[in-house]
mmCIF file of all heavy atoms, coordinates in Angstrom:
data_MODEL
# 
_entry.id   MODEL 
# 
loop_
_atom_site.group_PDB 
_atom_site.id 
_atom_site.type_symbol 
_atom_site.label_atom_id 
_atom_site.label_alt_id 
_atom_site.label_comp_id 
_atom_site.label_asym_id 
_atom_site.label_entity_id 
_atom_site.label_seq_id 
_atom_site.pdbx_PDB_ins_code 
_atom_site.Cartn_x 
_atom_site.Cartn_y 
_atom_site.Cartn_z 
_atom_site.occupancy 
_atom_site.B_iso_or_equiv 
_atom_site.pdbx_formal_charge 
_atom_site.auth_seq_id 
_atom_site.auth_comp_id 
_atom_site.auth_asym_id 
_atom_site.auth_atom_id 
_atom_site.pdbx_PDB_model_num 
ATOM 1   N N   . LEU A 1 1  ? -47.912 -121.609 -10.833 1.00 0.00 ? 1  LEU A N   1 
ATOM 2   C CA  . LEU A 1 1  ? -49.411 -121.765 -11.082 1.00 0.00 ? 1  LEU A CA  1 
ATOM 3   C C   . LEU A 1 1  ? -49.838 -120.906 -12.258 1.00 0.00 ? 1  LEU A C   1 
ATOM 4   O O   . LEU A 1 1  ? -50.813 -121.238 -12.958 1.00 0.00 ? 1  LEU A O   1 
ATOM 5   C CB  . LEU A 1 1  ? -50.265 -121.444 -9.883  1.00 0.00 ? 1  LEU A CB  1 
ATOM 6   C CG  . LEU A 1 1  ? -49.981 -122.323 -8.591  1.00 0.00 ? 1  LEU A CG  1 
ATOM 7   C CD1 . LEU A 1 1  ? -50.870 -121.783 -7.563  1.00 0.00 ? 1  LEU A CD1 1 
ATOM 8   C CD2 . LEU A 1 1  ? -50.254 -123.730 -8.880  1.00 0.00 ? 1  LEU A CD2 1 
ATOM 9   N N   . PHE A 1 2  ? -49.109 -120.001 -12.651 1.00 0.00 ? 2  PHE A N   1 
ATOM 10  C CA  . PHE A 1 2  ? -49.482 -119.100 -13.713 1.00 0.00 ? 2  PHE A CA  1 
ATOM 11  C C   . PHE A 1 2  ? -48.254 -118.910 -14.691 1.00 0.00 ? 2  PHE A C   1 
ATOM 12  O O   . PHE A 1 2  ? -47.645 -117.804 -14.903 1.00 0.00 ? 2  PHE A O   1 
ATOM 13  C CB  . PHE A 1 2  ? -49.865 -117.655 -13.146 1.00 0.00 ? 2  PHE A CB  1 
ATOM 14  C CG  . PHE A 1 2  ? -50.956 -117.786 -12.106 1.00 0.00 ? 2  PHE A CG  1 
ATOM 15  C CD1 . PHE A 1 2  ? -50.645 -117.611 -10.852 1.00 0.00 ? 2  PHE A CD1 1 
ATOM 16  C CD2 . PHE A 1 2  ? -52.218 -117.996 -12.582 1.00 0.00 ? 2  PHE A CD2 1 
ATOM 17  C CE1 . PHE A 1 2  ? -51.683 -117.764 -9.852  1.00 0.00 ? 2  PHE A CE1 1 
ATOM 18  C CE2 . PHE A 1 2  ? -53.209 -118.010 -11.591 1.00 0.00 ? 2  PHE A CE2 1 
ATOM 19  C CZ  . PHE A 1 2  ? -53.112 -117.946 -10.286 1.00 0.00 ? 2  PHE A CZ  1 
ATOM 20  N N   . PRO A 1 3  ? -47.993 -119.864 -15.483 1.00 0.00 ? 3  PRO A N   1 
ATOM 21  C CA  . PRO A 1 3  ? -46.773 -119.833 -16.470 1.00 0.00 ? 3  PRO A CA  1 
ATOM 22  C C   . PRO A 1 3  ? -46.923 -118.740 -17.367 1.00 0.00 ? 3  PRO A C   1 
ATOM 23  O O   . PRO A 1 3  ? -45.978 -118.143 -17.966 1.00 0.00 ? 3  PRO A O   1 
ATOM 24  C CB  . PRO A 1 3  ? -46.721 -121.227 -16.881 1.00 0.00 ? 3  PRO A CB  1 
ATOM 25  C CG  . PRO A 1 3  ? -47.909 -121.898 -16.587 1.00 0.00 ? 3  PRO A CG  1 
ATOM 26  C CD  . PRO A 1 3  ? -48.542 -121.272 -15.451 1.00 0.00 ? 3  PRO A CD  1 
ATOM 27  N N   . SER A 1 4  ? -48.140 -118.446 -17.917 1.00 0.00 ? 4  SER A N   1 
ATOM 28  C CA  . SER A 1 4  ? -48.465 -117.471 -19.045 1.00 0.00 ? 4  SER A CA  1 
ATOM 29  C C   . SER A 1 4  ? -47.977 -116.130 -18.512 1.00 0.00 ? 4  SER A C   1 
ATOM 30  O O   . SER A 1 4  ? -47.356 -115.442 -19.226 1.00 0.00 ? 4  SER A O   1 
ATOM 31  C CB  . SER A 1 4  ? -49.824 -117.359 -19.371 1.00 0.00 ? 4  SER A CB  1 
ATOM 32  O OG  . SER A 1 4  ? -50.322 -118.554 -20.030 1.00 0.00 ? 4  SER A OG  1 
ATOM 33  N N   . ALA A 1 5  ? -48.189 -115.801 -17.218 1.00 0.00 ? 5  ALA A N   1 
ATOM 34  C CA  . ALA A 1 5  ? -47.775 -114.445 -16.796 1.00 0.00 ? 5  ALA A CA  1 
ATOM 35  C C   . ALA A 1 5  ? -46.248 -114.407 -16.755 1.00 0.00 ? 5  ALA A C   1 
ATOM 36  O O   . ALA A 1 5  ? -45.652 -113.435 -17.051 1.00 0.00 ? 5  ALA A O   1 
ATOM 37  C CB  . ALA A 1 5  ? -48.342 -114.169 -15.351 1.00 0.00 ? 5  ALA A CB  1 
ATOM 38  N N   . THR A 1 6  ? -45.582 -115.441 -16.316 1.00 0.00 ? 6  THR A N   1 
ATOM 39  C CA  . THR A 1 6  ? -44.091 -115.489 -16.304 1.00 0.00 ? 6  THR A CA  1 
ATOM 40  C C   . THR A 1 6  ? -43.474 -115.299 -17.687 1.00 0.00 ? 6  THR A C   1 
ATOM 41  O O   . THR A 1 6  ? -42.618 -114.619 -17.980 1.00 0.00 ? 6  THR A O   1 
ATOM 42  C CB  . THR A 1 6  ? -43.679 -116.881 -15.715 1.00 0.00 ? 6  THR A CB  1 
ATOM 43  O OG1 . THR A 1 6  ? -44.006 -116.912 -14.340 1.00 0.00 ? 6  THR A OG1 1 
ATOM 44  C CG2 . THR A 1 6  ? -42.072 -116.851 -15.615 1.00 0.00 ? 6  THR A CG2 1 
ATOM 45  N N   . LEU A 1 7  ? -44.140 -116.074 -18.765 1.00 0.00 ? 7  LEU A N   1 
ATOM 46  C CA  . LEU A 1 7  ? -43.594 -116.010 -20.103 1.00 0.00 ? 7  LEU A CA  1 
ATOM 47  C C   . LEU A 1 7  ? -43.777 -114.600 -20.604 1.00 0.00 ? 7  LEU A C   1 
ATOM 48  O O   . LEU A 1 7  ? -42.930 -114.082 -21.426 1.00 0.00 ? 7  LEU A O   1 
ATOM 49  C CB  . LEU A 1 7  ? -44.352 -117.164 -20.902 1.00 0.00 ? 7  LEU A CB  1 
ATOM 50  C CG  . LEU A 1 7  ? -44.090 -118.540 -20.492 1.00 0.00 ? 7  LEU A CG  1 
ATOM 51  C CD1 . LEU A 1 7  ? -44.886 -119.530 -21.393 1.00 0.00 ? 7  LEU A CD1 1 
ATOM 52  C CD2 . LEU A 1 7  ? -42.607 -118.820 -20.667 1.00 0.00 ? 7  LEU A CD2 1 
ATOM 53  N N   . ALA A 1 8  ? -45.048 -114.018 -20.446 1.00 0.00 ? 8  ALA A N   1 
ATOM 54  C CA  . ALA A 1 8  ? -45.293 -112.817 -20.933 1.00 0.00 ? 8  ALA A CA  1 
ATOM 55  C C   . ALA A 1 8  ? -44.255 -111.751 -20.332 1.00 0.00 ? 8  ALA A C   1 
ATOM 56  O O   . ALA A 1 8  ? -43.875 -110.692 -20.907 1.00 0.00 ? 8  ALA A O   1 
ATOM 57  C CB  . ALA A 1 8  ? -46.678 -112.321 -20.579 1.00 0.00 ? 8  ALA A CB  1 
ATOM 58  N N   . GLU A 1 9  ? -43.980 -111.891 -18.936 1.00 0.00 ? 9  GLU A N   1 
ATOM 59  C CA  . GLU A 1 9  ? -43.037 -110.985 -18.401 1.00 0.00 ? 9  GLU A CA  1 
ATOM 60  C C   . GLU A 1 9  ? -41.721 -111.104 -18.914 1.00 0.00 ? 9  GLU A C   1 
ATOM 61  O O   . GLU A 1 9  ? -40.872 -110.083 -19.203 1.00 0.00 ? 9  GLU A O   1 
ATOM 62  C CB  . GLU A 1 9  ? -42.924 -111.285 -16.958 1.00 0.00 ? 9  GLU A CB  1 
ATOM 63  C CG  . GLU A 1 9  ? -42.009 -110.310 -16.148 1.00 0.00 ? 9  GLU A CG  1 
ATOM 64  C CD  . GLU A 1 9  ? -42.401 -108.855 -16.216 1.00 0.00 ? 9  GLU A CD  1 
ATOM 65  O OE1 . GLU A 1 9  ? -43.580 -108.605 -16.353 1.00 0.00 ? 9  GLU A OE1 1 
ATOM 66  O OE2 . GLU A 1 9  ? -41.612 -108.053 -15.961 1.00 0.00 ? 9  GLU A OE2 1 
ATOM 67  N N   . LEU A 1 10 ? -41.241 -112.283 -19.373 1.00 0.00 ? 10 LEU A N   1 
ATOM 68  C CA  . LEU A 1 10 ? -39.969 -112.450 -20.174 1.00 0.00 ? 10 LEU A CA  1 
ATOM 69  C C   . LEU A 1 10 ? -39.895 -111.845 -21.424 1.00 0.00 ? 10 LEU A C   1 
ATOM 70  O O   . LEU A 1 10 ? -38.900 -111.117 -21.803 1.00 0.00 ? 10 LEU A O   1 
ATOM 71  C CB  . LEU A 1 10 ? -39.670 -113.929 -20.271 1.00 0.00 ? 10 LEU A CB  1 
ATOM 72  C CG  . LEU A 1 10 ? -39.360 -114.772 -19.019 1.00 0.00 ? 10 LEU A CG  1 
ATOM 73  C CD1 . LEU A 1 10 ? -39.328 -116.320 -19.381 1.00 0.00 ? 10 LEU A CD1 1 
ATOM 74  C CD2 . LEU A 1 10 ? -38.112 -114.321 -18.365 1.00 0.00 ? 10 LEU A CD2 1 
ATOM 75  N N   . VAL A 1 11 ? -41.049 -111.825 -22.183 1.00 0.00 ? 11 VAL A N   1 
ATOM 76  C CA  . VAL A 1 11 ? -41.130 -111.115 -23.438 1.00 0.00 ? 11 VAL A CA  1 
ATOM 77  C C   . VAL A 1 11 ? -40.944 -109.652 -23.100 1.00 0.00 ? 11 VAL A C   1 
ATOM 78  O O   . VAL A 1 11 ? -40.288 -108.764 -23.857 1.00 0.00 ? 11 VAL A O   1 
ATOM 79  C CB  . VAL A 1 11 ? -42.321 -111.459 -24.217 1.00 0.00 ? 11 VAL A CB  1 
ATOM 80  C CG1 . VAL A 1 11 ? -42.528 -110.585 -25.365 1.00 0.00 ? 11 VAL A CG1 1 
ATOM 81  C CG2 . VAL A 1 11 ? -42.325 -112.946 -24.431 1.00 0.00 ? 11 VAL A CG2 1 
ATOM 82  N N   . ARG A 1 12 ? -41.722 -109.119 -22.130 1.00 0.00 ? 12 ARG A N   1 
ATOM 83  C CA  . ARG A 1 12 ? -41.664 -107.663 -21.920 1.00 0.00 ? 12 ARG A CA  1 
ATOM 84  C C   . ARG A 1 12 ? -40.315 -107.199 -21.432 1.00 0.00 ? 12 ARG A C   1 
ATOM 85  O O   . ARG A 1 12 ? -39.928 -106.116 -21.886 1.00 0.00 ? 12 ARG A O   1 
ATOM 86  C CB  . ARG A 1 12 ? -42.720 -107.283 -20.823 1.00 0.00 ? 12 ARG A CB  1 
ATOM 87  C CG  . ARG A 1 12 ? -44.136 -107.175 -21.279 1.00 0.00 ? 12 ARG A CG  1 
ATOM 88  C CD  . ARG A 1 12 ? -44.963 -106.527 -20.193 1.00 0.00 ? 12 ARG A CD  1 
ATOM 89  N NE  . ARG A 1 12 ? -45.383 -107.455 -19.235 1.00 0.00 ? 12 ARG A NE  1 
ATOM 90  C CZ  . ARG A 1 12 ? -46.163 -108.395 -19.215 1.00 0.00 ? 12 ARG A CZ  1 
ATOM 91  N NH1 . ARG A 1 12 ? -46.933 -108.523 -20.390 1.00 0.00 ? 12 ARG A NH1 1 
ATOM 92  N NH2 . ARG A 1 12 ? -46.532 -109.292 -18.152 1.00 0.00 ? 12 ARG A NH2 1 
ATOM 93  N N   . MET A 1 13 ? -39.644 -108.002 -20.698 1.00 0.00 ? 13 MET A N   1 
ATOM 94  C CA  . MET A 1 13 ? -38.326 -107.537 -20.061 1.00 0.00 ? 13 MET A CA  1 
ATOM 95  C C   . MET A 1 13 ? -37.303 -107.561 -21.213 1.00 0.00 ? 13 MET A C   1 
ATOM 96  O O   . MET A 1 13 ? -36.212 -106.995 -21.074 1.00 0.00 ? 13 MET A O   1 
ATOM 97  C CB  . MET A 1 13 ? -37.943 -108.542 -19.020 1.00 0.00 ? 13 MET A CB  1 
ATOM 98  C CG  . MET A 1 13 ? -38.726 -108.444 -17.836 1.00 0.00 ? 13 MET A CG  1 
ATOM 99  S SD  . MET A 1 13 ? -38.404 -109.578 -16.578 1.00 0.00 ? 13 MET A SD  1 
ATOM 100 C CE  . MET A 1 13 ? -36.669 -110.166 -16.703 1.00 0.00 ? 13 MET A CE  1 
ATOM 101 N N   . SER A 1 14 ? -37.521 -108.188 -22.392 1.00 0.00 ? 14 SER A N   1 
ATOM 102 C CA  . SER A 1 14 ? -36.614 -108.251 -23.502 1.00 0.00 ? 14 SER A CA  1 
ATOM 103 C C   . SER A 1 14 ? -36.302 -106.809 -24.113 1.00 0.00 ? 14 SER A C   1 
ATOM 104 O O   . SER A 1 14 ? -35.192 -106.690 -24.722 1.00 0.00 ? 14 SER A O   1 
ATOM 105 C CB  . SER A 1 14 ? -37.147 -109.122 -24.662 1.00 0.00 ? 14 SER A CB  1 
ATOM 106 O OG  . SER A 1 14 ? -38.154 -108.560 -25.374 1.00 0.00 ? 14 SER A OG  1 
ATOM 107 N N   . GLY A 1 15 ? -37.188 -105.918 -23.973 1.00 0.00 ? 15 GLY A N   1 
ATOM 108 C CA  . GLY A 1 15 ? -37.118 -104.702 -24.534 1.00 0.00 ? 15 GLY A CA  1 
ATOM 109 C C   . GLY A 1 15 ? -37.259 -104.657 -26.082 1.00 0.00 ? 15 GLY A C   1 
ATOM 110 O O   . GLY A 1 15 ? -37.081 -103.592 -26.656 1.00 0.00 ? 15 GLY A O   1 
ATOM 111 N N   . CYS A 1 16 ? -37.753 -105.683 -26.575 1.00 0.00 ? 16 CYS A N   1 
ATOM 112 C CA  . CYS A 1 16 ? -38.128 -105.667 -28.156 1.00 0.00 ? 16 CYS A CA  1 
ATOM 113 C C   . CYS A 1 16 ? -39.323 -104.758 -28.309 1.00 0.00 ? 16 CYS A C   1 
ATOM 114 O O   . CYS A 1 16 ? -40.468 -104.735 -27.550 1.00 0.00 ? 16 CYS A O   1 
ATOM 115 C CB  . CYS A 1 16 ? -38.539 -107.032 -28.548 1.00 0.00 ? 16 CYS A CB  1 
ATOM 116 S SG  . CYS A 1 16 ? -37.049 -108.200 -28.535 1.00 0.00 ? 16 CYS A SG  1 
ATOM 117 N N   . PRO A 1 17 ? -39.306 -103.888 -29.324 1.00 0.00 ? 17 PRO A N   1 
ATOM 118 C CA  . PRO A 1 17 ? -40.431 -103.051 -29.598 1.00 0.00 ? 17 PRO A CA  1 
ATOM 119 C C   . PRO A 1 17 ? -41.733 -103.638 -29.992 1.00 0.00 ? 17 PRO A C   1 
ATOM 120 O O   . PRO A 1 17 ? -42.816 -103.403 -29.603 1.00 0.00 ? 17 PRO A O   1 
ATOM 121 C CB  . PRO A 1 17 ? -39.862 -101.973 -30.558 1.00 0.00 ? 17 PRO A CB  1 
ATOM 122 C CG  . PRO A 1 17 ? -38.796 -102.667 -31.183 1.00 0.00 ? 17 PRO A CG  1 
ATOM 123 C CD  . PRO A 1 17 ? -38.227 -103.558 -30.253 1.00 0.00 ? 17 PRO A CD  1 
ATOM 124 N N   . ASN A 1 18 ? -41.607 -104.801 -30.899 1.00 0.00 ? 18 ASN A N   1 
ATOM 125 C CA  . ASN A 1 18 ? -42.578 -105.537 -31.400 1.00 0.00 ? 18 ASN A CA  1 
ATOM 126 C C   . ASN A 1 18 ? -42.354 -106.941 -31.465 1.00 0.00 ? 18 ASN A C   1 
ATOM 127 O O   . ASN A 1 18 ? -42.203 -107.595 -32.502 1.00 0.00 ? 18 ASN A O   1 
ATOM 128 C CB  . ASN A 1 18 ? -42.916 -104.967 -32.844 1.00 0.00 ? 18 ASN A CB  1 
ATOM 129 C CG  . ASN A 1 18 ? -43.520 -103.651 -32.929 1.00 0.00 ? 18 ASN A CG  1 
ATOM 130 O OD1 . ASN A 1 18 ? -44.268 -103.167 -32.220 1.00 0.00 ? 18 ASN A OD1 1 
ATOM 131 N ND2 . ASN A 1 18 ? -42.853 -102.782 -33.667 1.00 0.00 ? 18 ASN A ND2 1 
ATOM 132 N N   . PRO A 1 19 ? -42.235 -107.527 -30.241 1.00 0.00 ? 19 PRO A N   1 
ATOM 133 C CA  . PRO A 1 19 ? -41.986 -108.972 -30.291 1.00 0.00 ? 19 PRO A CA  1 
ATOM 134 C C   . PRO A 1 19 ? -43.076 -109.886 -30.769 1.00 0.00 ? 19 PRO A C   1 
ATOM 135 O O   . PRO A 1 19 ? -44.272 -109.626 -30.752 1.00 0.00 ? 19 PRO A O   1 
ATOM 136 C CB  . PRO A 1 19 ? -41.736 -109.236 -28.705 1.00 0.00 ? 19 PRO A CB  1 
ATOM 137 C CG  . PRO A 1 19 ? -42.570 -108.356 -28.029 1.00 0.00 ? 19 PRO A CG  1 
ATOM 138 C CD  . PRO A 1 19 ? -42.539 -107.088 -28.921 1.00 0.00 ? 19 PRO A CD  1 
ATOM 139 N N   . ALA A 1 20 ? -42.656 -110.949 -31.268 1.00 0.00 ? 20 ALA A N   1 
ATOM 140 C CA  . ALA A 1 20 ? -43.535 -111.945 -31.836 1.00 0.00 ? 20 ALA A CA  1 
ATOM 141 C C   . ALA A 1 20 ? -43.361 -113.330 -31.014 1.00 0.00 ? 20 ALA A C   1 
ATOM 142 O O   . ALA A 1 20 ? -42.238 -113.605 -30.604 1.00 0.00 ? 20 ALA A O   1 
ATOM 143 C CB  . ALA A 1 20 ? -43.430 -112.207 -33.363 1.00 0.00 ? 20 ALA A CB  1 
ATOM 144 N N   . ALA A 1 21 ? -44.460 -113.999 -30.769 1.00 0.00 ? 21 ALA A N   1 
ATOM 145 C CA  . ALA A 1 21 ? -44.284 -115.196 -30.001 1.00 0.00 ? 21 ALA A CA  1 
ATOM 146 C C   . ALA A 1 21 ? -45.071 -116.433 -30.638 1.00 0.00 ? 21 ALA A C   1 
ATOM 147 O O   . ALA A 1 21 ? -46.134 -116.256 -31.170 1.00 0.00 ? 21 ALA A O   1 
ATOM 148 C CB  . ALA A 1 21 ? -44.839 -114.938 -28.574 1.00 0.00 ? 21 ALA A CB  1 
ATOM 149 N N   . ALA A 1 22 ? -44.602 -117.493 -30.281 1.00 0.00 ? 22 ALA A N   1 
ATOM 150 C CA  . ALA A 1 22 ? -45.032 -118.816 -30.652 1.00 0.00 ? 22 ALA A CA  1 
ATOM 151 C C   . ALA A 1 22 ? -44.884 -119.804 -29.519 1.00 0.00 ? 22 ALA A C   1 
ATOM 152 O O   . ALA A 1 22 ? -43.906 -119.779 -28.852 1.00 0.00 ? 22 ALA A O   1 
ATOM 153 C CB  . ALA A 1 22 ? -44.531 -119.459 -31.952 1.00 0.00 ? 22 ALA A CB  1 
ATOM 154 N N   . SER A 1 23 ? -45.850 -120.661 -29.441 1.00 0.00 ? 23 SER A N   1 
ATOM 155 C CA  . SER A 1 23 ? -45.835 -121.631 -28.351 1.00 0.00 ? 23 SER A CA  1 
ATOM 156 C C   . SER A 1 23 ? -46.060 -122.996 -28.929 1.00 0.00 ? 23 SER A C   1 
ATOM 157 O O   . SER A 1 23 ? -47.102 -123.279 -29.623 1.00 0.00 ? 23 SER A O   1 
ATOM 158 C CB  . SER A 1 23 ? -46.959 -121.317 -27.268 1.00 0.00 ? 23 SER A CB  1 
ATOM 159 O OG  . SER A 1 23 ? -46.881 -122.275 -26.234 1.00 0.00 ? 23 SER A OG  1 
ATOM 160 N N   . ALA A 1 24 ? -45.220 -123.983 -28.525 1.00 0.00 ? 24 ALA A N   1 
ATOM 161 C CA  . ALA A 1 24 ? -45.362 -125.318 -28.981 1.00 0.00 ? 24 ALA A CA  1 
ATOM 162 C C   . ALA A 1 24 ? -45.585 -126.263 -27.671 1.00 0.00 ? 24 ALA A C   1 
ATOM 163 O O   . ALA A 1 24 ? -44.774 -126.388 -26.905 1.00 0.00 ? 24 ALA A O   1 
ATOM 164 C CB  . ALA A 1 24 ? -44.171 -125.840 -29.651 1.00 0.00 ? 24 ALA A CB  1 
# 
């Protein structure tokens, strides 16, 4: 029901210091 939270968690788990994101 909350895919944005799941996607944000994936980005956070990546360990990237300054990740950039785009959504299509």
